[in-house]
Amino acid sequence: MRSEALEVHEVKLREKVKAARGRWDPEKRVWHVAMAQVLQLGMTARVAKAGPAAQPGSTRPQAE
């Protein structure tokens, strides 16, 4: 699983992630999505780093 941060206004993208069986992590405020789905959705540039960098308040990849 990979972590993905989406902005609140990204409703359509959030719906795609949910349809891809993404799981919301309210503590870290990121979506967890299988890498195969990340690739299919074309979201590789938005993958958050694992470990401490994925903690709340850390820098997140920006939308393209």
C-alpha atoms as a PDB file:
ATOM      1  CA  MET A   1       0.000   0.000   0.000  1.00  0.00           C
ATOM      2  CA  ARG A   2       1.077   3.546  -0.712  1.00  0.00           C
ATOM      3  CA  SER A   3      -0.082   6.704   1.005  1.00  0.00           C
ATOM      4  CA  GLU A   4      -1.668   9.512  -0.936  1.00  0.00           C
ATOM      5  CA  ALA A   5      -2.589  12.988   0.273  1.00  0.00           C
ATOM      6  CA  LEU A   6      -5.546  14.632  -1.436  1.00  0.00           C
ATOM      7  CA  GLU A   7      -6.793  18.154  -0.921  1.00  0.00           C
ATOM      8  CA  VAL A   8     -10.351  18.618   0.341  1.00  0.00           C
ATOM      9  CA  HIS A   9     -11.486  20.109  -2.978  1.00  0.00           C
ATOM     10  CA  GLU A  10     -10.316  17.066  -4.962  1.00  0.00           C
ATOM     11  CA  VAL A  11     -13.688  15.332  -4.749  1.00  0.00           C
ATOM     12  CA  LYS A  12     -13.536  13.572  -8.138  1.00  0.00           C
ATOM     13  CA  LEU A  13     -10.069  12.225  -7.451  1.00  0.00           C
ATOM     14  CA  ARG A  14     -11.133  11.104  -3.968  1.00  0.00           C
ATOM     15  CA  GLU A  15     -14.036   9.173  -5.520  1.00  0.00           C
ATOM     16  CA  LYS A  16     -11.602   7.453  -7.923  1.00  0.00           C
ATOM     17  CA  VAL A  17      -9.329   6.490  -5.030  1.00  0.00           C
ATOM     18  CA  LYS A  18     -12.315   5.143  -3.072  1.00  0.00           C
ATOM     19  CA  ALA A  19     -13.443   3.146  -6.135  1.00  0.00           C
ATOM     20  CA  ALA A  20      -9.904   1.716  -6.328  1.00  0.00           C
ATOM     21  CA  ARG A  21     -10.443   0.405  -2.771  1.00  0.00           C
ATOM     22  CA  GLY A  22      -8.327   3.108  -1.190  1.00  0.00           C
ATOM     23  CA  ARG A  23      -8.507   3.343   2.597  1.00  0.00           C
ATOM     24  CA  TRP A  24      -8.565   6.689   4.447  1.00  0.00           C
ATOM     25  CA  ASP A  25      -6.253   7.044   7.458  1.00  0.00           C
ATOM     26  CA  PRO A  26      -7.729   9.863   9.579  1.00  0.00           C
ATOM     27  CA  GLU A  27      -4.713  10.072  11.904  1.00  0.00           C
ATOM     28  CA  LYS A  28      -2.188  10.600   9.106  1.00  0.00           C
ATOM     29  CA  ARG A  29      -4.745  12.284   6.836  1.00  0.00           C
ATOM     30  CA  VAL A  30      -3.725  10.249   3.801  1.00  0.00           C
ATOM     31  CA  TRP A  31      -5.281   7.599   1.592  1.00  0.00           C
ATOM     32  CA  HIS A  32      -3.679   4.150   1.401  1.00  0.00           C
ATOM     33  CA  VAL A  33      -3.901   2.739  -2.110  1.00  0.00           C
ATOM     34  CA  ALA A  34      -2.383  -0.344  -3.727  1.00  0.00           C
ATOM     35  CA  MET A  35       0.561   0.596  -5.964  1.00  0.00           C
ATOM     36  CA  ALA A  36      -1.088  -1.077  -8.953  1.00  0.00           C
ATOM     37  CA  GLN A  37      -4.027   1.306  -8.507  1.00  0.00           C
ATOM     38  CA  VAL A  38      -1.700   4.298  -8.082  1.00  0.00           C
ATOM     39  CA  LEU A  39      -0.118   3.410 -11.423  1.00  0.00           C
ATOM     40  CA  GLN A  40      -3.492   2.890 -13.089  1.00  0.00           C
ATOM     41  CA  LEU A  41      -4.744   6.257 -11.831  1.00  0.00           C
ATOM     42  CA  GLY A  42      -1.523   7.990 -12.940  1.00  0.00           C
ATOM     43  CA  MET A  43      -0.801   9.285  -9.435  1.00  0.00           C
ATOM     44  CA  THR A  44       2.830   8.214  -8.943  1.00  0.00           C
ATOM     45  CA  ALA A  45       3.988  11.821  -8.499  1.00  0.00           C
ATOM     46  CA  ARG A  46       1.593  12.145  -5.554  1.00  0.00           C
ATOM     47  CA  VAL A  47       2.791   9.168  -3.503  1.00  0.00           C
ATOM     48  CA  ALA A  48       3.778  10.158   0.040  1.00  0.00           C
ATOM     49  CA  LYS A  49       7.002   8.784   1.483  1.00  0.00           C
ATOM     50  CA  ALA A  50       6.694   5.955   4.004  1.00  0.00           C
ATOM     51  CA  GLY A  51       7.867   6.388   7.575  1.00  0.00           C
ATOM     52  CA  PRO A  52       8.300   9.675   9.456  1.00  0.00           C
ATOM     53  CA  ALA A  53       7.800  11.817   6.336  1.00  0.00           C
ATOM     54  CA  ALA A  54       4.239  10.499   6.079  1.00  0.00           C
ATOM     55  CA  GLN A  55       3.321  11.863   9.510  1.00  0.00           C
ATOM     56  CA  PRO A  56       0.789  14.690   9.920  1.00  0.00           C
ATOM     57  CA  GLY A  57       2.253  18.096   9.242  1.00  0.00           C
ATOM     58  CA  SER A  58       4.944  16.776   6.924  1.00  0.00           C
ATOM     59  CA  THR A  59       5.540  17.977   3.394  1.00  0.00           C
ATOM     60  CA  ARG A  60       3.286  16.251   0.891  1.00  0.00           C
ATOM     61  CA  PRO A  61       3.695  15.934  -2.873  1.00  0.00           C
ATOM     62  CA  GLN A  62       1.741  18.645  -4.674  1.00  0.00           C
ATOM     63  CA  ALA A  63      -0.876  18.115  -7.384  1.00  0.00           C
ATOM     64  CA  GLU A  64       0.373  18.374 -10.931  1.00  0.00           C
END
